[in-house]
Amino acid sequence: MDLYCVMGNPVEHSRSPWIHARFAELCNQPIAYERRLVALGAFAEGIAAFRREAAERGDRALGCNVTVPFKFDAASIAQHTSERATLAGAVNTLRFAADGDIHADNTDGIGLVNDIERNARVPLAGKSLLRIGAGGAAAGVLGPLLDAGAARVVVANRTVDKAVSLVRRHAALALAHGASLEAWALDAVPGDFDLVVNATASSLAGDAVPVGAQVLRQGALAVDMMYGPAAAGFLQWARAHGAVARDGLGMLVEQAAESFEIWRGVRPPSAQVLDELRARLAAA
């Protein structure tokens, strides 16, 4: 059996096993996918245990998804890292090659872009974007937003130095695309935007949205990278101020589709699986 997993701490909430099982069913791919809880500070050991246990059973461990808090740990154990993962400094997808090497990638950002452009049908070319947050959850998002042709991208964070560091790392990419890329404090963001992406845990913590409503243009798209109850506060705020609100469930499915294609060489029907997942969650 070809084995894959998602590793995190916590990980019991992850929808990835259902998503990848459905991808495999629809694409006729014989795989198994599981959750694996990894002790804090023991990510490399968790990877080794997954591969060893699979070999002992006569199975093949071929890859894994990585969720919080291990996306930076995953970047450090790979022998080969994609350009977008290198730029992000964080990894959410690992592929185990036949020669034993680990190949690392980050599909979070392209997952967000695909959800916005394909599922929400909002083109990003020429748009102005505000990304709230500069932490690990958002590390892989900035590069693909620039690649999608955004004209102006602002990163706002409570700790401005983190936003500045992220902007500096992506400055050459922004220049290559002719895009404006800026770092600001949360309470000093200038102007309004076509798209606002919340990459903080404000909703999860029950905190107020960390920027003022003036950042939203009328009819702007406001996306929370979380979904379910964790995104509720931000989505309510966005709707109350005339924006189109969208949670992160589409991003979750689309980044999983990218991982699945990396592993299996087959593009799964992500829009269908997203519709099915929304229906499952609504009925739960």
Protein backbone atom coordinates (compact mmCIF):
# COMPACT_ATOMS: atom_id res chain seq x y z
CA MET A 1 0.00 0.00 0.00
CA ASP A 2 1.14 3.55 -0.75
CA LEU A 3 0.89 5.52 2.49
CA TYR A 4 0.51 9.25 3.16
CA CYS A 5 -0.36 11.20 6.28
CA VAL A 6 -0.82 14.57 7.87
CA MET A 7 1.44 15.40 10.81
CA GLY A 8 0.69 18.05 13.39
CA ASN A 9 0.02 18.85 17.02
CA PRO A 10 -2.93 18.96 17.40
CA VAL A 11 -4.06 16.95 14.39
CA GLU A 12 -7.30 15.18 15.36
CA HIS A 13 -9.38 17.99 13.81
CA SER A 14 -7.76 17.65 10.37
CA ARG A 15 -10.07 17.13 7.38
CA SER A 16 -7.14 16.00 5.22
CA PRO A 17 -7.76 12.24 5.57
CA TRP A 18 -11.31 12.59 4.21
CA ILE A 19 -10.21 14.97 1.44
CA HIS A 20 -7.40 12.72 0.21
CA ALA A 21 -9.50 9.57 0.51
CA ARG A 22 -12.11 11.23 -1.70
CA PHE A 23 -9.45 12.39 -4.18
CA ALA A 24 -8.11 8.83 -4.33
CA GLU A 25 -11.58 7.37 -4.89
CA LEU A 26 -12.43 9.79 -7.67
CA CYS A 27 -9.02 9.38 -9.36
CA ASN A 28 -8.80 5.60 -8.86
CA GLN A 29 -5.57 5.88 -6.90
CA PRO A 30 -4.85 3.07 -4.37
CA ILE A 31 -3.57 4.95 -1.34
CA ALA A 32 -4.08 5.12 2.41
CA TYR A 33 -3.92 8.41 4.33
CA GLU A 34 -3.87 8.89 8.10
CA ARG A 35 -3.45 11.43 10.87
CA ARG A 36 -0.28 11.27 12.96
CA LEU A 37 0.12 13.23 16.18
CA VAL A 38 3.75 14.26 16.63
CA ALA A 39 5.24 15.34 19.93
CA LEU A 40 6.44 18.93 20.06
CA GLY A 41 10.11 19.13 19.20
CA ALA A 42 10.11 15.67 17.64
CA PHE A 43 9.11 16.26 14.02
CA ALA A 44 12.15 14.58 12.45
CA GLU A 45 11.61 11.58 14.71
CA GLY A 46 7.95 11.48 13.65
CA ILE A 47 8.93 11.37 9.97
CA ALA A 48 11.46 8.60 10.62
CA ALA A 49 8.89 6.57 12.58
CA PHE A 50 6.29 6.90 9.81
CA ARG A 51 8.70 5.65 7.17
CA ARG A 52 10.11 2.88 9.37
CA GLU A 53 6.72 1.54 10.45
CA ALA A 54 5.48 1.48 6.85
CA ALA A 55 8.56 -0.48 5.73
CA GLU A 56 8.11 -2.97 8.56
CA ARG A 57 4.59 -3.70 7.29
CA GLY A 58 5.76 -4.02 3.70
CA ASP A 59 4.08 -0.74 2.71
CA ARG A 60 5.57 2.39 1.13
CA ALA A 61 5.49 5.75 2.95
CA LEU A 62 5.58 8.21 0.05
CA GLY A 63 4.74 11.58 1.55
CA CYS A 64 3.02 13.68 4.13
CA ASN A 65 1.26 16.96 4.70
CA VAL A 66 2.53 19.15 7.51
CA THR A 67 0.36 21.37 9.68
CA VAL A 68 1.01 23.57 12.71
CA PRO A 69 3.40 23.87 14.40
CA PHE A 70 5.83 21.94 12.19
CA LYS A 71 5.94 23.84 8.87
CA PHE A 72 9.31 25.38 9.73
CA ASP A 73 10.67 22.06 11.05
CA ALA A 74 9.69 20.40 7.78
CA ALA A 75 11.72 22.93 5.82
CA SER A 76 14.85 21.97 7.76
CA ILE A 77 14.82 18.21 7.12
CA ALA A 78 14.45 18.15 3.32
CA GLN A 79 17.29 17.51 0.88
CA HIS A 80 15.42 19.28 -1.94
CA THR A 81 13.16 22.31 -1.54
CA SER A 82 10.99 23.95 -4.20
CA GLU A 83 11.48 27.59 -5.06
CA ARG A 84 8.16 28.62 -3.52
CA ALA A 85 8.88 26.72 -0.30
CA THR A 86 12.35 28.28 -0.09
CA LEU A 87 10.85 31.74 -0.50
CA ALA A 88 8.20 31.02 2.13
CA GLY A 89 10.67 29.48 4.54
CA ALA A 90 7.94 26.99 5.42
CA VAL A 91 6.76 23.63 4.09
CA ASN A 92 3.40 21.86 4.10
CA THR A 93 4.10 19.00 1.65
CA LEU A 94 6.84 16.38 1.76
CA ARG A 95 7.48 13.73 -0.89
CA PHE A 96 9.73 10.77 -0.12
CA ALA A 97 11.70 9.76 -3.21
CA ALA A 98 12.81 6.24 -4.11
CA ASP A 99 16.42 7.14 -3.30
CA GLY A 100 15.40 8.10 0.25
CA ASP A 101 15.65 11.85 -0.22
CA ILE A 102 12.91 14.17 1.03
CA HIS A 103 11.48 16.75 -1.38
CA ALA A 104 9.70 19.73 0.20
CA ASP A 105 7.09 22.09 -1.20
CA ASN A 106 4.54 24.63 -0.01
CA THR A 107 1.08 24.45 -1.59
CA ASP A 108 -0.71 26.84 0.79
CA GLY A 109 -0.34 29.93 -1.36
CA ILE A 110 -1.31 28.38 -4.67
CA GLY A 111 -4.21 26.74 -2.86
CA LEU A 112 -5.45 30.16 -1.75
CA VAL A 113 -4.97 31.64 -5.23
CA ASN A 114 -6.79 28.75 -6.88
CA ASP A 115 -9.71 29.03 -4.48
CA ILE A 116 -10.04 32.77 -5.07
CA GLU A 117 -9.67 32.64 -8.84
CA ARG A 118 -11.33 29.30 -9.69
CA ASN A 119 -13.95 28.82 -6.98
CA ALA A 120 -14.79 32.40 -5.96
CA ARG A 121 -14.16 33.56 -9.57
CA VAL A 122 -12.27 36.68 -8.52
CA PRO A 123 -9.23 37.43 -10.74
CA LEU A 124 -6.25 38.76 -8.81
CA ALA A 125 -4.42 40.50 -11.66
CA GLY A 126 -4.22 44.23 -11.07
CA LYS A 127 -5.92 44.05 -7.66
CA SER A 128 -4.88 45.59 -4.35
CA LEU A 129 -4.51 43.10 -1.52
CA LEU A 130 -4.14 43.35 2.26
CA ARG A 131 -2.82 40.37 4.15
CA ILE A 132 -3.30 40.54 7.91
CA GLY A 133 -0.62 38.60 9.74
CA ALA A 134 2.99 37.65 9.05
CA GLY A 135 3.33 34.40 10.98
CA GLY A 136 3.87 30.81 9.92
CA ALA A 137 0.28 30.27 8.79
CA ALA A 138 0.78 32.94 6.14
CA ALA A 139 4.35 32.21 5.11
CA GLY A 140 3.50 30.44 1.87
CA VAL A 141 0.83 32.84 0.65
CA LEU A 142 2.68 36.00 -0.32
CA GLY A 143 4.68 34.66 -3.27
CA PRO A 144 1.72 33.10 -5.12
CA LEU A 145 -0.35 36.28 -4.63
CA LEU A 146 2.43 38.23 -6.36
CA ASP A 147 2.74 35.58 -9.06
CA ALA A 148 -1.00 35.95 -9.69
CA GLY A 149 -0.45 39.56 -10.76
CA ALA A 150 -1.59 41.59 -7.79
CA ALA A 151 -0.68 45.24 -8.32
CA ARG A 152 -0.35 46.18 -4.66
CA VAL A 153 0.17 43.90 -1.67
CA VAL A 154 0.30 45.14 1.91
CA VAL A 155 1.37 42.95 4.83
CA ALA A 156 0.11 44.23 8.16
CA ASN A 157 1.15 42.71 11.47
CA ARG A 158 1.06 43.50 15.15
CA THR A 159 4.84 43.15 15.24
CA VAL A 160 5.90 45.33 12.32
CA ASP A 161 9.41 43.84 12.17
CA LYS A 162 7.95 40.47 11.12
CA ALA A 163 6.02 42.12 8.30
CA VAL A 164 9.13 44.00 7.20
CA SER A 165 11.19 40.79 7.19
CA LEU A 166 8.59 39.02 5.06
CA VAL A 167 8.38 41.91 2.61
CA ARG A 168 12.16 42.07 2.25
CA ARG A 169 12.30 38.35 1.47
CA HIS A 170 9.77 38.84 -1.34
CA ALA A 171 11.07 42.19 -2.62
CA ALA A 172 12.80 40.76 -5.70
CA LEU A 173 9.68 38.82 -6.70
CA ALA A 174 7.52 41.93 -6.32
CA LEU A 175 9.98 43.92 -8.43
CA ALA A 176 9.96 41.26 -11.14
CA HIS A 177 6.17 41.51 -11.33
CA GLY A 178 6.10 45.32 -11.11
CA ALA A 179 4.04 45.13 -7.93
CA SER A 180 4.04 47.40 -4.91
CA LEU A 181 4.85 45.49 -1.72
CA GLU A 182 4.58 47.20 1.67
CA ALA A 183 4.75 46.44 5.40
CA TRP A 184 2.60 48.32 7.93
CA ALA A 185 1.43 48.17 11.51
CA LEU A 186 -2.14 46.94 11.97
CA ASP A 187 -3.38 50.35 13.11
CA ALA A 188 -1.66 52.30 10.33
CA VAL A 189 -2.68 50.53 7.11
CA PRO A 190 -3.23 53.17 4.40
CA GLY A 191 -6.02 52.97 1.85
CA ASP A 192 -8.62 50.34 1.02
CA PHE A 193 -8.38 47.04 -0.82
CA ASP A 194 -10.07 44.71 -3.31
CA LEU A 195 -9.09 41.67 -1.25
CA VAL A 196 -8.38 41.27 2.47
CA VAL A 197 -6.93 37.98 3.72
CA ASN A 198 -6.93 37.25 7.43
CA ALA A 199 -3.98 35.00 8.29
CA THR A 200 -4.18 35.60 12.04
CA ALA A 201 -5.94 33.53 14.68
CA SER A 202 -8.11 36.48 15.80
CA SER A 203 -11.41 34.67 15.23
CA LEU A 204 -10.17 31.49 16.89
CA ALA A 205 -9.12 33.46 19.96
CA GLY A 206 -12.40 35.38 20.05
CA ASP A 207 -10.56 38.66 19.49
CA ALA A 208 -11.81 41.61 17.47
CA VAL A 209 -10.68 41.86 13.86
CA PRO A 210 -7.28 43.58 14.15
CA VAL A 211 -7.85 46.21 11.41
CA GLY A 212 -10.51 48.84 10.86
CA ALA A 213 -13.36 48.43 8.39
CA GLN A 214 -11.96 51.27 6.27
CA VAL A 215 -9.62 48.73 4.63
CA LEU A 216 -12.60 47.16 2.85
CA ARG A 217 -13.70 48.58 -0.46
CA GLN A 218 -17.40 48.18 -1.12
CA GLY A 219 -17.89 44.66 -2.44
CA ALA A 220 -14.34 43.59 -1.54
CA LEU A 221 -13.60 39.91 -1.05
CA ALA A 222 -12.62 39.13 2.55
CA VAL A 223 -11.06 35.70 3.14
CA ASP A 224 -10.25 34.06 6.46
CA MET A 225 -7.66 31.31 6.13
CA MET A 226 -9.51 29.37 8.83
CA TYR A 227 -12.93 27.76 8.45
CA GLY A 228 -15.87 26.71 10.62
CA PRO A 229 -16.34 28.41 14.00
CA ALA A 230 -12.73 29.64 13.90
CA ALA A 231 -13.56 31.94 10.98
CA ALA A 232 -16.98 33.10 12.18
CA GLY A 233 -15.96 36.40 13.77
CA PHE A 234 -14.03 37.66 10.76
CA LEU A 235 -16.75 36.58 8.31
CA GLN A 236 -19.44 38.35 10.32
CA TRP A 237 -17.34 41.50 10.45
CA ALA A 238 -16.74 41.41 6.70
CA ARG A 239 -20.43 40.98 5.83
CA ALA A 240 -21.44 43.74 8.24
CA HIS A 241 -19.21 46.15 6.32
CA GLY A 242 -20.35 45.32 2.80
CA ALA A 243 -17.71 42.75 1.83
CA VAL A 244 -18.12 39.31 0.30
CA ALA A 245 -16.98 36.89 2.99
CA ARG A 246 -15.24 33.57 2.32
CA ASP A 247 -13.72 31.06 4.72
CA GLY A 248 -10.59 28.96 4.25
CA LEU A 249 -12.25 25.65 3.39
CA GLY A 250 -11.64 26.17 -0.31
CA MET A 251 -7.98 26.94 0.35
CA LEU A 252 -7.75 23.73 2.40
CA VAL A 253 -9.12 21.60 -0.44
CA GLU A 254 -7.11 23.35 -3.15
CA GLN A 255 -3.79 23.07 -1.32
CA ALA A 256 -4.57 19.40 -0.77
CA ALA A 257 -5.22 19.00 -4.49
CA GLU A 258 -1.78 20.46 -5.23
CA SER A 259 -0.19 18.01 -2.79
CA PHE A 260 -2.09 15.10 -4.31
CA GLU A 261 -0.88 16.02 -7.79
CA ILE A 262 2.72 16.29 -6.55
CA TRP A 263 2.48 12.80 -5.07
CA ARG A 264 0.40 10.98 -7.68
CA GLY A 265 0.80 12.97 -10.90
CA VAL A 266 -2.99 13.27 -11.17
CA ARG A 267 -5.08 16.41 -10.71
CA PRO A 268 -8.15 15.62 -8.56
CA PRO A 269 -11.55 17.33 -9.06
CA SER A 270 -11.11 19.82 -6.23
CA ALA A 271 -14.27 21.85 -6.88
CA GLN A 272 -16.43 18.75 -6.58
CA VAL A 273 -14.71 17.68 -3.37
CA LEU A 274 -15.08 21.19 -1.92
CA ASP A 275 -18.83 21.13 -2.59
CA GLU A 276 -19.11 17.70 -0.99
CA LEU A 277 -17.10 18.76 2.06
CA ARG A 278 -19.22 21.87 2.59
CA ALA A 279 -22.33 19.71 2.43
CA ARG A 280 -20.88 17.24 4.96
CA LEU A 281 -19.97 19.99 7.40
CA ALA A 282 -23.36 21.66 7.03
CA ALA A 283 -25.10 18.38 7.83
CA ALA A 284 -22.90 17.57 10.82
